[in-house]
C-alpha cells in the first residue's frame, strides 16, 4: 500500500509553519493514543503514521528533501521514519506534550512504562557515497563501513559494571520525573520536573563499567547496506533513521545522513534527467550518411546518420536518460552531431577540396526547413 502524503496525514497545508505542524500532530497523537484505544490496531497504525509524518515535517532538512523528492528523499528503502516502534515514538516525541509523562494528563495517569524518562539521543553521522552514472540511472545497493559510537560490548550499553550495579531510582520510582503539589489561592497546582537523583534516566548506577567508564558507549564499526533509489543527483542528501551514533545508556540512536556524489562519466554528461553525448563525424559521413555506434547508460547503441546531416543537429533517443526520483518518468539521451573540420590537410587532400569548393552542391543554401542554432536550443528545452 502506497504511503499517504505527510501533509495529508497531519491535515495541514504545505505552507504550514512549525507550530501548526506540532499542534496537528499533538491532536492526532491524543486521538489515536494506544491507552485511549486499547487493542485497536487501526488506531495504533494511525498513531505511528502521524509520528512518522511529524518526524519528517518537524525537521527542516528532512522536510526540504520531502518537498523536493517525496517519500524517496527520506524514506526509500529504509530511509526516514518508516518502521518506527512505540518506544521510538515515546522517546523522540514525548516532550511535545511537556512534563515528564506526556500522556498522563490526558489518560488519568496511565503512564506508559518509562514514558517519562529522559531519553538521550545519539548524534547524526554524515558520509559521502560516490555513484557512477549507471548506478544513478538504475539504483543500487551500497554496503559501507561506518566508524561510529556503538553500545559498549562489556556492559551492553547500560554503563554499569554488571546487572547488580544499577537499580531503579528510589526517588522517582523509575519514572525519571517527580511531581510536586502545592496549594495556591486558586487551588492545588501540580508540577512535574526532572528527577534530581537520576537526572531523568530512571535508574541509578552504583558501580560504573570499567570499559566505557559508565557512558555505555565505545568506538566500533558497522557495515550498513544503503539502498539508493534511481535518479538521485549530486548534492542530494538521504537519511537512514537510527543508523547514526548510539546514545548513552539505551537512548535513541541518531540518523545516518548520506551525501550523494556523482562520478563523472568519460563520454556522457548528465543534464537533469537527460543524458548528453557529443558525436563527432567527418565531412564525408555527414554528406553521404552512415551508421555509428555510440555509448548509452545501457550499453552500446547503433544510430543512423542521414545523408546531408548538418553540424549542430540534435538526435533524441527516447527513454535513454535518467529516471526522476520517485517517478516512472525517464529522460532522453540527446546526441549532438558535430561535423569535424580537419585542422591540417595533405597536398592531395587540398587538391581534392579545391576542386569541390566551387561545386554548386558545396555552396551553403540553407532552406526554410533548416533550423537555426536558437531554434534548436528552444526545441531542446521544450
Protein backbone atom coordinates (compact mmCIF):
# COMPACT_ATOMS: atom_id res chain seq x y z
CA UNK A 1 0.00 0.00 0.00
CA UNK A 2 1.39 3.41 -1.04
CA UNK A 3 2.26 5.86 1.71
CA UNK A 4 -0.03 8.82 2.19
CA UNK A 5 1.23 12.34 1.77
CA UNK A 6 2.62 13.51 5.12
CA UNK A 7 0.76 16.81 4.93
CA UNK A 8 -2.50 14.91 4.38
CA UNK A 9 -1.71 12.64 7.33
CA UNK A 10 -1.42 15.62 9.68
CA UNK A 11 -4.17 17.56 7.93
CA UNK A 12 -2.09 20.68 7.31
CA UNK A 13 -1.24 22.75 4.25
CA UNK A 14 2.21 22.57 2.65
CA UNK A 15 2.77 26.14 3.80
CA UNK A 16 2.12 25.21 7.46
CA UNK A 17 4.69 26.52 9.93
CA UNK A 18 6.34 24.55 12.73
CA UNK A 19 3.74 25.44 15.35
CA UNK A 20 0.85 24.34 13.11
CA UNK A 21 2.56 21.03 12.39
CA UNK A 22 3.25 20.47 16.08
CA UNK A 23 -0.33 21.28 17.04
CA UNK A 24 -1.77 18.99 14.37
CA UNK A 25 0.43 16.10 15.48
CA UNK A 26 -0.45 16.64 19.12
CA UNK A 27 -4.19 16.37 18.35
CA UNK A 28 -3.74 13.15 16.35
CA UNK A 29 -1.46 11.62 18.98
CA UNK A 30 -4.10 12.23 21.65
CA UNK A 31 -6.88 10.90 19.43
CA UNK A 32 -5.13 7.65 18.44
CA UNK A 33 -3.02 7.06 21.54
CA UNK A 34 -2.94 3.32 22.44
CA UNK A 35 -4.02 3.97 26.02
CA UNK A 36 -7.17 5.61 24.71
CA UNK A 37 -7.73 2.92 22.06
CA UNK A 38 -6.73 -0.41 23.65
CA UNK A 39 -6.38 -3.38 21.28
CA UNK A 40 -7.28 -1.19 18.31
CA UNK A 41 -4.76 -2.00 15.58
CA UNK A 42 -6.12 0.61 13.21
CA UNK A 43 -5.71 3.36 15.80
CA UNK A 44 -2.19 2.13 16.55
CA UNK A 45 -1.22 2.30 12.87
CA UNK A 46 -2.62 5.83 12.58
CA UNK A 47 -0.69 6.76 15.73
CA UNK A 48 2.53 5.50 14.11
CA UNK A 49 1.68 7.13 10.77
CA UNK A 50 1.20 10.51 12.46
CA UNK A 51 4.53 10.14 14.31
CA UNK A 52 6.34 9.28 11.07
CA UNK A 53 4.83 12.32 9.34
CA UNK A 54 5.79 14.56 12.26
CA UNK A 55 9.35 13.20 12.33
CA UNK A 56 9.88 14.36 8.72
CA UNK A 57 7.90 17.62 8.69
CA UNK A 58 9.22 18.88 12.03
CA UNK A 59 12.82 18.58 10.82
CA UNK A 60 13.71 21.43 8.38
CA UNK A 61 16.27 19.36 6.43
CA UNK A 62 14.05 16.30 6.12
CA UNK A 63 11.06 18.45 5.22
CA UNK A 64 13.01 20.18 2.46
CA UNK A 65 14.06 16.82 0.98
CA UNK A 66 10.48 15.54 1.26
CA UNK A 67 9.09 18.62 -0.51
CA UNK A 68 11.62 18.15 -3.32
CA UNK A 69 11.74 14.38 -3.74
CA UNK A 70 8.69 13.00 -1.93
CA UNK A 71 8.98 9.84 0.16
CA UNK A 72 12.16 8.75 -1.70
CA UNK A 73 14.03 11.76 -0.34
CA UNK A 74 13.90 10.44 3.24
CA UNK A 75 12.26 7.05 3.44
CA UNK A 76 13.11 4.98 0.39
CA UNK A 77 14.32 1.52 1.33
CA UNK A 78 14.92 2.15 4.98
CA UNK A 79 15.37 5.92 5.00
CA UNK A 80 13.49 8.25 7.31
CA UNK A 81 10.74 7.43 9.74
CA UNK A 82 9.50 4.14 8.33
CA UNK A 83 9.39 1.24 10.77
CA UNK A 84 9.09 3.32 13.94
CA UNK A 85 8.02 1.41 17.01
CA UNK A 86 6.26 2.67 20.12
CA UNK A 87 9.48 3.12 22.09
CA UNK A 88 10.91 5.30 19.32
CA UNK A 89 7.79 7.44 19.26
CA UNK A 90 7.53 7.98 23.01
CA UNK A 91 11.25 8.63 23.42
CA UNK A 92 11.56 11.05 20.49
CA UNK A 93 8.28 12.94 20.66
CA UNK A 94 7.13 12.61 24.25
CA UNK A 95 8.32 16.10 25.08
CA UNK A 96 5.84 17.60 22.63
CA UNK A 97 3.25 17.46 25.44
CA UNK A 98 5.55 18.89 28.09
CA UNK A 99 6.16 17.46 31.57
CA UNK A 100 7.58 14.11 32.43
CA UNK A 101 4.97 11.65 31.18
CA UNK A 102 3.33 13.14 28.10
CA UNK A 103 0.00 11.32 28.23
CA UNK A 104 -0.71 11.16 31.94
CA UNK A 105 -2.71 14.37 32.00
CA UNK A 106 -4.96 13.08 29.25
CA UNK A 107 -5.48 9.48 30.28
CA UNK A 108 -5.82 9.54 34.03
CA UNK A 109 -2.25 8.80 34.97
CA UNK A 110 -1.93 5.61 32.91
CA UNK A 111 1.71 6.29 32.21
CA UNK A 112 3.47 4.00 29.78
CA UNK A 113 6.48 2.21 31.19
CA UNK A 114 9.46 4.54 31.01
CA UNK A 115 7.34 7.18 29.27
CA UNK A 116 8.63 9.96 31.50
CA UNK A 117 12.26 9.06 31.48
CA UNK A 118 14.77 11.37 30.00
CA UNK A 119 15.97 9.64 26.87
CA UNK A 120 19.19 10.84 25.29
CA UNK A 121 19.67 10.85 21.55
CA UNK A 122 22.81 9.91 19.67
CA UNK A 123 24.35 12.37 17.23
CA UNK A 124 23.86 12.14 13.48
CA UNK A 125 26.60 10.89 11.18
CA UNK A 126 27.35 12.18 7.68
CA UNK A 127 29.03 10.16 4.96
CA UNK A 128 29.62 10.62 1.24
CA UNK A 129 28.72 7.94 -1.29
CA UNK A 130 30.14 8.14 -4.81
CA UNK A 131 27.99 6.77 -7.62
CA UNK A 132 28.60 6.19 -11.31
CA UNK A 133 26.10 7.42 -13.88
CA UNK A 134 24.99 3.83 -14.47
CA UNK A 135 24.34 3.31 -10.75
CA UNK A 136 22.35 6.53 -10.57
CA UNK A 137 20.24 5.54 -13.57
CA UNK A 138 19.29 2.11 -12.20
CA UNK A 139 19.51 2.49 -8.43
CA UNK A 140 21.97 0.49 -6.38
CA UNK A 141 22.67 -1.06 -3.00
CA UNK A 142 25.91 0.13 -1.44
CA UNK A 143 27.50 -1.52 1.57
CA UNK A 144 29.64 0.89 3.54
CA UNK A 145 31.68 0.50 6.70
CA UNK A 146 30.87 3.25 9.16
CA UNK A 147 33.08 4.07 12.15
CA UNK A 148 30.79 5.27 14.90
CA UNK A 149 29.82 5.04 18.55
CA UNK A 150 28.20 1.71 19.44
CA UNK A 151 26.99 0.20 22.68
CA UNK A 152 29.78 -0.99 24.94
CA UNK A 153 30.46 -4.70 24.39
CA UNK A 154 31.15 -5.20 28.10
CA UNK A 155 28.02 -3.71 29.66
CA UNK A 156 25.72 -3.82 26.64
CA UNK A 157 25.19 -0.07 26.82
CA UNK A 158 23.93 0.16 30.41
CA UNK A 159 27.08 1.86 31.70
CA UNK A 160 27.02 -0.38 34.80
CA UNK A 161 29.68 -2.88 35.85
CA UNK A 162 27.11 -5.73 35.92
CA UNK A 163 23.38 -6.33 36.44
CA UNK A 164 23.67 -5.83 40.16
CA UNK A 165 25.41 -2.47 39.73
CA UNK A 166 22.32 -0.49 38.83
CA UNK A 167 18.78 -0.29 40.15
CA UNK A 168 15.56 1.64 39.72
CA UNK A 169 15.79 5.15 41.10
CA UNK A 170 14.14 5.26 44.53
CA UNK A 171 13.29 8.94 44.29
CA UNK A 172 11.15 8.76 41.14
CA UNK A 173 10.41 5.03 41.05
CA UNK A 174 11.90 4.75 37.57
CA UNK A 175 9.66 7.41 36.03
CA UNK A 176 12.51 9.86 35.53
CA UNK A 177 10.39 12.70 36.86
CA UNK A 178 8.90 13.80 40.15
CA UNK A 179 5.61 15.55 40.84
CA UNK A 180 5.01 18.24 43.37
CA UNK A 181 1.64 19.50 44.57
CA UNK A 182 1.40 22.99 46.04
CA UNK A 183 -1.57 24.82 47.49
CA UNK A 184 -2.41 28.21 45.99
CA UNK A 185 -5.32 30.62 46.26
CA UNK A 186 -6.64 29.04 43.07
CA UNK A 187 -6.43 25.56 44.50
CA UNK A 188 -3.88 22.80 44.20
CA UNK A 189 -1.23 23.13 41.47
CA UNK A 190 0.67 20.10 40.22
CA UNK A 191 4.08 20.45 38.58
CA UNK A 192 6.38 17.85 37.08
CA UNK A 193 10.15 18.16 36.90
CA UNK A 194 13.18 16.02 36.10
CA UNK A 195 14.23 13.76 38.93
CA UNK A 196 17.27 15.33 40.67
CA UNK A 197 18.65 11.96 41.79
CA UNK A 198 18.86 10.10 38.48
CA UNK A 199 18.81 13.17 36.23
CA UNK A 200 15.73 11.86 34.45
CA UNK A 201 17.11 8.43 33.48
CA UNK A 202 15.01 6.41 35.93
CA UNK A 203 17.94 4.29 37.11
CA UNK A 204 20.93 4.75 39.37
CA UNK A 205 24.33 3.22 38.67
CA UNK A 206 26.21 2.15 41.78
CA UNK A 207 29.32 0.87 40.03
CA UNK A 208 30.37 2.02 36.55
CA UNK A 209 31.57 -0.23 33.73
CA UNK A 210 35.37 -0.18 33.62
CA UNK A 211 35.47 -0.35 29.82
CA UNK A 212 33.27 2.63 28.95
CA UNK A 213 33.54 4.50 32.30
CA UNK A 214 29.76 4.50 32.69
CA UNK A 215 28.94 6.05 29.31
CA UNK A 216 27.67 2.81 27.77
CA UNK A 217 29.47 3.63 24.51
CA UNK A 218 32.64 2.74 22.66
CA UNK A 219 34.03 3.21 19.15
CA UNK A 220 33.10 0.50 16.72
CA UNK A 221 32.46 -0.29 13.08
CA UNK A 222 29.23 -1.32 11.37
CA UNK A 223 28.64 -2.41 7.79
CA UNK A 224 25.44 -0.77 6.59
CA UNK A 225 23.54 -1.66 3.41
CA UNK A 226 22.20 1.51 1.76
CA UNK A 227 19.53 1.08 -0.91
CA UNK A 228 19.82 4.18 -3.08
CA UNK A 229 16.85 4.88 -5.36
CA UNK A 230 17.34 5.57 -9.06
CA UNK A 231 17.54 9.19 -10.17
CA UNK A 232 19.40 10.76 -7.24
CA UNK A 233 21.64 13.69 -8.08
CA UNK A 234 24.84 15.41 -6.98
CA UNK A 235 24.44 17.05 -3.58
CA UNK A 236 21.22 15.24 -2.66
CA UNK A 237 21.02 14.00 0.93
CA UNK A 238 19.29 10.86 2.12
CA UNK A 239 18.89 9.80 5.71
CA UNK A 240 18.64 6.45 7.45
CA UNK A 241 16.83 6.65 10.78
CA UNK A 242 18.64 5.11 13.74
CA UNK A 243 21.87 4.33 11.87
CA UNK A 244 23.93 7.15 13.38
CA UNK A 245 25.84 7.17 16.67
CA UNK A 246 24.39 5.14 19.53
CA UNK A 247 23.09 7.10 22.51
CA UNK A 248 24.33 6.72 26.09
CA UNK A 249 22.62 4.11 28.26
CA UNK A 250 19.94 2.85 25.94
CA UNK A 251 18.90 6.14 24.34
CA UNK A 252 17.71 6.69 20.78
CA UNK A 253 20.44 6.42 18.12
CA UNK A 254 20.99 9.28 15.70
CA UNK A 255 20.49 9.20 11.94
CA UNK A 256 22.92 8.46 9.14
CA UNK A 257 22.98 11.25 6.54
CA UNK A 258 24.17 10.15 3.09
CA UNK A 259 25.50 12.83 0.73
CA UNK A 260 25.41 11.80 -2.93
CA UNK A 261 28.43 12.46 -5.17
CA UNK A 262 28.42 11.72 -8.90
CA UNK A 263 31.46 10.24 -10.60
CA UNK A 264 31.90 11.97 -13.97
CA UNK A 265 31.37 9.63 -16.94
CA UNK A 266 34.13 9.52 -19.55
CA UNK A 267 31.89 10.38 -22.51
CA UNK A 268 28.34 11.01 -21.26
CA UNK A 269 27.17 14.14 -19.47
CA UNK A 270 24.08 14.50 -17.32
CA UNK A 271 21.67 17.41 -17.66
CA UNK A 272 18.87 16.84 -15.14
CA UNK A 273 17.14 13.66 -16.28
CA UNK A 274 18.63 13.84 -19.78
CA UNK A 275 21.95 12.42 -20.97
CA UNK A 276 24.09 14.42 -23.39
CA UNK A 277 26.55 12.90 -25.87
CA UNK A 278 28.74 14.80 -28.34
CA UNK A 279 29.10 12.82 -31.57
CA UNK A 280 31.85 13.83 -33.97
CA UNK A 281 31.65 12.72 -37.61
CA UNK A 282 33.74 13.68 -40.62
CA UNK A 283 32.52 15.73 -43.57
CA UNK A 284 32.18 12.71 -45.87
CA UNK A 285 29.95 10.80 -43.42
CA UNK A 286 27.81 13.91 -42.88
CA UNK A 287 27.34 14.31 -46.64
CA UNK A 288 26.86 10.64 -47.58
CA UNK A 289 25.25 9.32 -44.40
CA UNK A 290 26.46 6.48 -42.20
CA UNK A 291 25.72 4.32 -39.14
CA UNK A 292 27.68 4.82 -35.95
CA UNK A 293 27.84 3.11 -32.57
CA UNK A 294 27.52 5.36 -29.50
CA UNK A 295 27.63 4.74 -25.74
CA UNK A 296 24.50 4.90 -23.57
CA UNK A 297 23.92 4.16 -19.90
CA UNK A 298 22.52 0.78 -21.00
CA UNK A 299 25.49 -0.15 -23.20
CA UNK A 300 26.20 0.46 -26.90
CA UNK A 301 23.56 1.61 -29.38
CA UNK A 302 23.70 1.97 -33.16
CA UNK A 303 22.21 5.09 -34.73
CA UNK A 304 21.74 6.20 -38.33
CA UNK A 305 23.15 9.45 -39.69
CA UNK A 306 21.09 10.61 -42.68
CA UNK A 307 22.82 11.95 -45.82
CA UNK A 308 23.19 15.72 -45.67
CA UNK A 309 23.19 15.92 -41.87
CA UNK A 310 24.20 19.39 -40.71
CA UNK A 311 26.51 20.13 -37.84
CA UNK A 312 24.56 21.03 -34.69
CA UNK A 313 21.69 18.63 -35.34
CA UNK A 314 20.29 17.01 -32.20
CA UNK A 315 19.17 13.39 -32.28
CA UNK A 316 16.92 12.19 -29.47
CA UNK A 317 16.94 8.65 -28.06
CA UNK A 318 13.67 8.34 -26.13
CA UNK A 319 13.81 6.87 -22.64
CA UNK A 320 17.61 6.53 -22.61
CA UNK A 321 18.09 9.07 -19.86
CA UNK A 322 17.84 9.01 -16.05
CA UNK A 323 14.54 8.39 -14.20
CA UNK A 324 13.05 11.02 -11.93
CA UNK A 325 13.25 10.20 -8.24
CA UNK A 326 10.00 8.64 -7.03
CA UNK A 327 8.57 8.57 -10.57
CA UNK A 328 8.26 6.30 -13.59
CA UNK A 329 9.20 9.13 -15.95
CA UNK A 330 12.61 8.87 -17.64
CA UNK A 331 14.63 11.40 -19.55
CA UNK A 332 16.15 11.01 -23.03
CA UNK A 333 19.63 10.81 -24.46
CA UNK A 334 20.39 13.78 -26.70
CA UNK A 335 23.08 13.25 -29.34
CA UNK A 336 24.71 16.47 -30.57
CA UNK A 337 26.11 15.97 -34.08
CA UNK A 338 29.37 17.83 -34.68
CA UNK A 339 30.89 17.81 -38.18
CA UNK A 340 34.64 17.67 -37.72
CA UNK A 341 36.71 20.08 -39.78
CA UNK A 342 40.30 18.91 -40.22
CA UNK A 343 42.91 21.34 -38.87
CA UNK A 344 45.59 20.19 -41.32
CA UNK A 345 45.36 18.59 -44.80
CA UNK A 346 47.84 16.87 -47.10
CA UNK A 347 48.64 18.26 -50.58
CA UNK A 348 46.45 15.56 -52.15
CA UNK A 349 43.54 16.36 -49.84
CA UNK A 350 43.95 20.09 -50.53
CA UNK A 351 43.76 19.44 -54.27
CA UNK A 352 40.52 17.47 -53.87
CA UNK A 353 38.97 20.15 -51.69
CA UNK A 354 39.97 22.91 -54.13
CA UNK A 355 38.09 21.06 -56.87
CA UNK A 356 34.99 20.59 -54.67
CA UNK A 357 34.67 24.01 -53.06
CA UNK A 358 33.32 25.71 -56.18
CA UNK A 359 30.82 22.90 -56.87
CA UNK A 360 27.17 24.03 -56.72
CA UNK A 361 26.29 21.40 -54.11
CA UNK A 362 29.02 22.72 -51.81
CA UNK A 363 27.66 26.25 -51.62
CA UNK A 364 25.69 26.88 -48.41
CA UNK A 365 22.00 27.00 -49.32
CA UNK A 366 20.01 26.85 -46.07
CA UNK A 367 16.32 26.26 -46.73
CA UNK A 368 13.29 27.04 -44.61
CA UNK A 369 13.44 23.53 -43.13
CA UNK A 370 16.91 24.20 -41.72
CA UNK A 371 16.67 25.25 -38.05
CA UNK A 372 18.89 27.92 -36.59
CA UNK A 373 21.00 27.38 -33.50
CA UNK A 374 18.50 29.27 -31.34
CA UNK A 375 15.58 27.26 -32.74
CA UNK A 376 17.36 24.00 -31.92
CA UNK A 377 18.07 25.17 -28.37
CA UNK A 378 14.45 26.25 -27.92
CA UNK A 379 13.24 22.88 -29.23
CA UNK A 380 15.57 21.08 -26.82
CA UNK A 381 14.21 22.89 -23.76
CA UNK A 382 10.61 22.37 -24.87
